Amino acid sequence: MSHRIFNTFEKTSTSAGVPYTQVPSGSRLDFLSGSTLNLGGNTSITGTLSVAAWGSTYTDSALRVGAYGTPIADTALTDNILVSFNGSTATEKTSDDTSSMALFVGMRNTALTNQPHTKLQGILTSTLVYANCFDAYGVQGHVAVKADATAVAGGTNIGNICGGSFKATVDSAKTATGTVSGVLVTLEGAGTVTGTHSGLWIDATVSCDNGILMSSTGTMTNGFSLSGTITNLFTFAANGAGIVHGGAADAAVQGYIKMVVGSTAYRIPYLADTDS
């Protein structure tokens, strides 16, 4: 049985021939525990939808599409299926540098209250593969430049256009104890991989300057720091792919590359690209 209940401040009217119910500004509409708000297809929400609180278990959520463990079934997949879509158009704000976001997610714990069993995650995605598929990604991002554009940061042409950006910041005069990293990549599982198994894969389908570019405005103690069991530091497809073997007598040493193995420092000399 369904009950349709309105408070005394209800105002029913029409706009462009479409009936609607209006709740005055500052009013509140409460749904008690166990209530359900069903929105039909192509339902529009104008303004801000605010959720004050939700339950305390892992399966509780402020806003939910489908149910945890019982996802919505896409039985006739003929196009892109979007569980949630956020779209916006950026508008320039000239007074300062403005971030334009289609989606903002914020997470924090309570100041001065230790929570040693709490894992803070701004966004957690989970992709479970139970059968063959075209590809599978936990998160996939795209930036597509559709017209001539210059990324300007701080008034100079040094801005970034990239598919993903991650940052770990420690505020001044604060101490972070642990492993602080901009990106953490972890491979887990004891299953068999048929194909290439990599912690990081860089695939360039166009000509580019660098596979990996490192820069530092501070002091980067180590460009690479290796630990654990590593069979080969570098592997080349074939002789000549990355190292060219010279013929005549070598030229004079021009400098060296310093490396540390364990606690012992070594130097690898390099020569001018010419035979003496």
Protein backbone atom coordinates (compact mmCIF):
# COMPACT_ATOMS: atom_id res chain seq x y z
CA MET A 1 0.00 0.00 0.00
CA SER A 2 1.26 3.44 -0.92
CA HIS A 3 0.53 6.62 1.01
CA ARG A 4 0.87 10.10 -0.50
CA ILE A 5 1.31 12.59 2.32
CA PHE A 6 1.91 16.34 2.00
CA ASN A 7 2.62 18.89 4.69
CA THR A 8 0.41 21.95 4.99
CA PHE A 9 2.97 24.07 3.07
CA GLU A 10 2.47 22.05 -0.11
CA LYS A 11 1.94 24.12 -3.23
CA THR A 12 0.89 22.35 -6.42
CA SER A 13 1.17 24.28 -9.66
CA THR A 14 2.14 23.90 -13.28
CA SER A 15 5.16 25.07 -15.23
CA ALA A 16 5.10 24.93 -19.03
CA GLY A 17 2.07 22.71 -18.72
CA VAL A 18 3.85 20.24 -16.41
CA PRO A 19 2.40 19.83 -12.88
CA TYR A 20 4.78 20.03 -9.96
CA THR A 21 4.76 20.21 -6.17
CA GLN A 22 6.72 23.00 -4.51
CA VAL A 23 8.20 23.00 -1.01
CA PRO A 24 9.18 26.48 0.27
CA SER A 25 12.84 27.36 0.78
CA GLY A 26 14.16 26.29 4.17
CA SER A 27 11.56 23.53 4.56
CA ARG A 28 12.48 19.91 5.16
CA LEU A 29 11.05 16.67 3.83
CA ASP A 30 11.90 13.67 6.01
CA PHE A 31 11.88 10.01 4.95
CA LEU A 32 11.85 7.75 7.99
CA SER A 33 13.85 4.53 8.25
CA GLY A 34 12.64 1.94 5.78
CA SER A 35 11.09 4.49 3.43
CA THR A 36 11.76 4.39 -0.28
CA LEU A 37 11.90 7.26 -2.76
CA ASN A 38 11.43 5.92 -6.27
CA LEU A 39 12.48 8.13 -9.18
CA GLY A 40 11.36 7.12 -12.64
CA GLY A 41 13.52 7.17 -15.73
CA ASN A 42 14.88 10.54 -16.88
CA THR A 43 13.97 12.18 -13.55
CA SER A 44 15.65 15.58 -13.17
CA ILE A 45 16.84 17.16 -9.91
CA THR A 46 17.50 20.89 -10.09
CA GLY A 47 19.61 22.47 -7.36
CA THR A 48 21.30 20.59 -4.50
CA LEU A 49 20.26 17.24 -3.05
CA SER A 50 21.74 17.02 0.45
CA VAL A 51 21.94 13.86 2.57
CA ALA A 52 22.68 14.52 6.24
CA ALA A 53 23.50 11.03 7.50
CA TRP A 54 23.17 7.31 6.80
CA GLY A 55 23.63 3.97 8.52
CA SER A 56 26.73 2.58 10.19
CA THR A 57 27.37 -0.69 8.33
CA TYR A 58 29.51 -1.37 5.26
CA THR A 59 26.46 -1.80 3.04
CA ASP A 60 24.83 1.49 4.08
CA SER A 61 25.16 4.49 1.78
CA ALA A 62 23.95 8.05 1.48
CA LEU A 63 22.98 7.63 -2.17
CA ARG A 64 22.72 4.24 -3.81
CA VAL A 65 22.01 2.82 -7.26
CA GLY A 66 21.22 -0.86 -6.96
CA ALA A 67 22.06 -2.81 -3.81
CA TYR A 68 25.39 -3.99 -2.40
CA GLY A 69 25.94 -7.54 -3.63
CA THR A 70 22.87 -7.28 -5.91
CA PRO A 71 23.80 -4.95 -8.78
CA ILE A 72 21.42 -3.72 -11.41
CA ALA A 73 21.47 -6.16 -14.34
CA ASP A 74 22.19 -4.82 -17.82
CA THR A 75 20.37 -7.45 -19.81
CA ALA A 76 20.43 -5.64 -23.16
CA LEU A 77 23.76 -3.88 -23.47
CA THR A 78 23.55 -1.91 -26.71
CA ASP A 79 25.41 1.27 -25.75
CA ASN A 80 27.38 2.80 -22.88
CA ILE A 81 25.70 1.93 -19.57
CA LEU A 82 26.05 4.75 -17.03
CA VAL A 83 25.07 4.05 -13.44
CA SER A 84 25.86 7.66 -12.59
CA PHE A 85 26.58 10.56 -14.93
CA ASN A 86 27.99 13.93 -13.95
CA GLY A 87 28.41 16.53 -16.67
CA SER A 88 29.23 20.21 -16.48
CA THR A 89 30.69 23.04 -18.55
CA ALA A 90 33.53 25.13 -17.11
CA THR A 91 33.09 28.88 -16.72
CA GLU A 92 36.13 31.11 -16.27
CA LYS A 93 36.53 32.94 -12.97
CA THR A 94 39.03 35.76 -13.42
CA SER A 95 39.69 36.59 -9.76
CA ASP A 96 41.72 33.46 -8.97
CA ASP A 97 42.64 29.99 -10.23
CA THR A 98 39.41 28.00 -10.15
CA SER A 99 38.98 24.23 -10.21
CA SER A 100 36.14 23.08 -12.44
CA MET A 101 34.89 19.65 -11.37
CA ALA A 102 32.10 17.43 -12.63
CA LEU A 103 32.38 15.46 -9.38
CA PHE A 104 33.96 16.36 -6.03
CA VAL A 105 34.36 13.79 -3.27
CA GLY A 106 35.77 14.81 0.09
CA MET A 107 36.77 12.56 3.00
CA ARG A 108 38.39 13.34 6.36
CA ASN A 109 38.58 11.95 9.86
CA THR A 110 37.95 13.83 13.09
CA ALA A 111 40.78 16.14 14.18
CA LEU A 112 42.72 15.01 17.28
CA THR A 113 40.82 11.71 17.39
CA ASN A 114 43.04 8.74 16.54
CA GLN A 115 41.39 6.07 14.42
CA PRO A 116 44.02 3.33 13.97
CA HIS A 117 41.53 0.92 12.37
CA THR A 118 40.07 3.38 9.88
CA LYS A 119 41.23 3.45 6.27
CA LEU A 120 40.44 6.81 4.66
CA GLN A 121 39.55 6.63 0.98
CA GLY A 122 38.34 9.57 -1.07
CA ILE A 123 37.07 7.19 -3.75
CA LEU A 124 36.98 3.37 -3.66
CA THR A 125 36.09 1.51 -6.83
CA SER A 126 35.71 -2.23 -7.20
CA THR A 127 35.58 -4.08 -10.51
CA LEU A 128 34.95 -7.83 -10.26
CA VAL A 129 35.59 -9.98 -13.34
CA TYR A 130 33.64 -13.24 -13.46
CA ALA A 131 33.75 -13.97 -17.21
CA ASN A 132 35.36 -12.90 -20.48
CA CYS A 133 35.25 -9.21 -21.29
CA PHE A 134 36.81 -6.74 -23.72
CA ASP A 135 38.89 -4.95 -21.03
CA ALA A 136 38.62 -4.42 -17.29
CA TYR A 137 39.73 -1.33 -15.32
CA GLY A 138 39.35 -0.30 -11.72
CA VAL A 139 39.48 3.35 -12.82
CA GLN A 140 39.94 4.67 -16.35
CA GLY A 141 40.36 8.33 -17.24
CA HIS A 142 40.61 10.18 -20.54
CA VAL A 143 41.60 13.69 -21.52
CA ALA A 144 40.84 14.50 -25.17
CA VAL A 145 42.06 17.76 -26.74
CA LYS A 146 39.42 18.67 -29.32
CA ALA A 147 40.79 22.08 -30.37
CA ASP A 148 44.01 24.11 -30.10
CA ALA A 149 44.61 24.65 -26.39
CA THR A 150 47.44 25.80 -24.12
CA ALA A 151 47.66 24.71 -20.50
CA VAL A 152 48.78 27.80 -18.57
CA ALA A 153 49.86 27.49 -14.96
CA GLY A 154 51.00 30.58 -13.08
CA GLY A 155 50.97 32.71 -16.20
CA THR A 156 53.46 30.56 -18.14
CA ASN A 157 52.95 27.75 -20.63
CA ILE A 158 53.87 24.96 -18.20
CA GLY A 159 50.46 23.56 -17.35
CA ASN A 160 49.59 19.87 -17.50
CA ILE A 161 47.27 17.95 -19.77
CA CYS A 162 47.26 14.39 -18.49
CA GLY A 163 44.94 11.45 -18.10
CA GLY A 164 45.53 11.13 -14.36
CA SER A 165 47.07 13.26 -11.63
CA PHE A 166 47.80 12.27 -8.03
CA LYS A 167 49.36 14.23 -5.20
CA ALA A 168 50.34 13.54 -1.59
CA THR A 169 50.88 16.71 0.46
CA VAL A 170 52.32 17.10 3.96
CA ASP A 171 51.53 20.52 5.41
CA SER A 172 54.32 22.75 6.67
CA ALA A 173 55.44 21.99 10.24
CA LYS A 174 53.53 18.66 10.18
CA THR A 175 55.00 15.17 10.33
CA ALA A 176 53.67 12.18 8.40
CA THR A 177 55.01 8.83 9.64
CA GLY A 178 54.73 6.08 7.07
CA THR A 179 55.37 5.59 3.36
CA VAL A 180 54.25 8.78 1.63
CA SER A 181 53.78 8.31 -2.11
CA GLY A 182 52.02 10.08 -4.92
CA VAL A 183 51.03 6.74 -6.46
CA LEU A 184 51.01 3.20 -5.04
CA VAL A 185 50.75 0.27 -7.46
CA THR A 186 50.25 -3.20 -5.94
CA LEU A 187 50.02 -6.61 -7.62
CA GLU A 188 48.35 -9.33 -5.54
CA GLY A 189 46.97 -12.82 -5.92
CA ALA A 190 48.45 -16.27 -6.37
CA GLY A 191 46.62 -17.03 -9.60
CA THR A 192 48.20 -17.73 -12.98
CA VAL A 193 48.70 -14.92 -15.46
CA THR A 194 48.79 -15.86 -19.14
CA GLY A 195 50.36 -12.85 -20.82
CA THR A 196 52.36 -9.93 -19.49
CA HIS A 197 52.32 -9.25 -15.73
CA SER A 198 53.51 -5.72 -14.90
CA GLY A 199 53.25 -3.34 -11.99
CA LEU A 200 53.33 -0.38 -14.37
CA TRP A 201 52.77 -0.40 -18.12
CA ILE A 202 53.55 2.60 -20.32
CA ASP A 203 52.24 2.27 -23.87
CA ALA A 204 52.87 5.09 -26.35
CA THR A 205 50.91 4.82 -29.60
CA VAL A 206 52.38 8.12 -30.87
CA SER A 207 55.89 9.61 -30.87
CA CYS A 208 56.82 11.13 -27.51
CA ASP A 209 59.89 12.55 -25.76
CA ASN A 210 60.04 10.35 -22.67
CA GLY A 211 58.67 7.08 -21.44
CA ILE A 212 59.39 8.30 -17.89
CA LEU A 213 60.20 11.90 -17.01
CA MET A 214 61.56 12.76 -13.57
CA SER A 215 61.99 16.29 -12.31
CA SER A 216 62.52 17.75 -8.88
CA THR A 217 62.45 21.31 -7.56
CA GLY A 218 63.60 19.95 -4.22
CA THR A 219 66.19 17.22 -3.63
CA MET A 220 65.48 13.76 -5.05
CA THR A 221 67.94 11.51 -3.26
CA ASN A 222 67.40 8.50 -5.52
CA GLY A 223 66.03 8.44 -9.04
CA PHE A 224 65.37 4.71 -8.57
CA SER A 225 65.39 2.85 -5.26
CA LEU A 226 65.23 -0.95 -5.58
CA SER A 227 64.61 -3.58 -2.93
CA GLY A 228 63.50 -7.18 -2.79
CA THR A 229 64.21 -9.88 -5.36
CA ILE A 230 64.70 -8.44 -8.86
CA THR A 231 65.97 -10.88 -11.49
CA ASN A 232 66.83 -8.27 -14.13
CA LEU A 233 67.05 -4.52 -13.66
CA PHE A 234 66.67 -3.95 -17.41
CA THR A 235 65.63 -6.30 -20.20
CA PHE A 236 65.97 -5.37 -23.87
CA ALA A 237 64.11 -6.99 -26.73
CA ALA A 238 67.39 -7.80 -28.56
CA ASN A 239 70.99 -6.63 -28.90
CA GLY A 240 70.98 -3.17 -30.39
CA ALA A 241 67.47 -2.36 -29.18
CA GLY A 242 68.76 -0.28 -26.31
CA ILE A 243 72.51 -0.80 -26.26
CA VAL A 244 74.76 -0.44 -29.31
CA HIS A 245 78.00 -2.40 -29.16
CA GLY A 246 80.91 -0.32 -30.46
CA GLY A 247 83.72 -1.45 -32.73
CA ALA A 248 86.94 0.63 -32.56
CA ALA A 249 88.79 1.79 -29.48
CA ASP A 250 86.62 3.65 -27.01
CA ALA A 251 86.82 7.38 -26.48
CA ALA A 252 87.91 8.88 -23.20
CA VAL A 253 85.65 8.68 -20.15
CA GLN A 254 83.40 11.73 -19.97
CA GLY A 255 81.80 11.13 -16.58
CA TYR A 256 80.09 8.52 -14.47
CA ILE A 257 76.74 7.41 -13.11
CA LYS A 258 76.71 6.75 -9.39
CA MET A 259 74.71 3.89 -7.90
CA VAL A 260 74.47 2.26 -4.49
CA VAL A 261 74.17 -1.51 -4.04
CA GLY A 262 73.29 -2.29 -0.45
CA SER A 263 75.39 0.32 1.33
CA THR A 264 78.30 0.30 -1.15
CA ALA A 265 78.58 3.05 -3.77
CA TYR A 266 79.74 2.29 -7.30
CA ARG A 267 80.39 4.37 -10.39
CA ILE A 268 79.58 3.40 -13.98
CA PRO A 269 81.64 5.45 -16.46
CA TYR A 270 80.16 6.77 -19.68
CA LEU A 271 82.02 7.73 -22.88
CA ALA A 272 81.50 10.22 -25.68
CA ASP A 273 79.39 8.87 -28.55
CA THR A 274 82.40 8.44 -30.84
CA ASP A 275 85.32 6.08 -31.38
CA SER A 276 88.80 7.43 -30.55
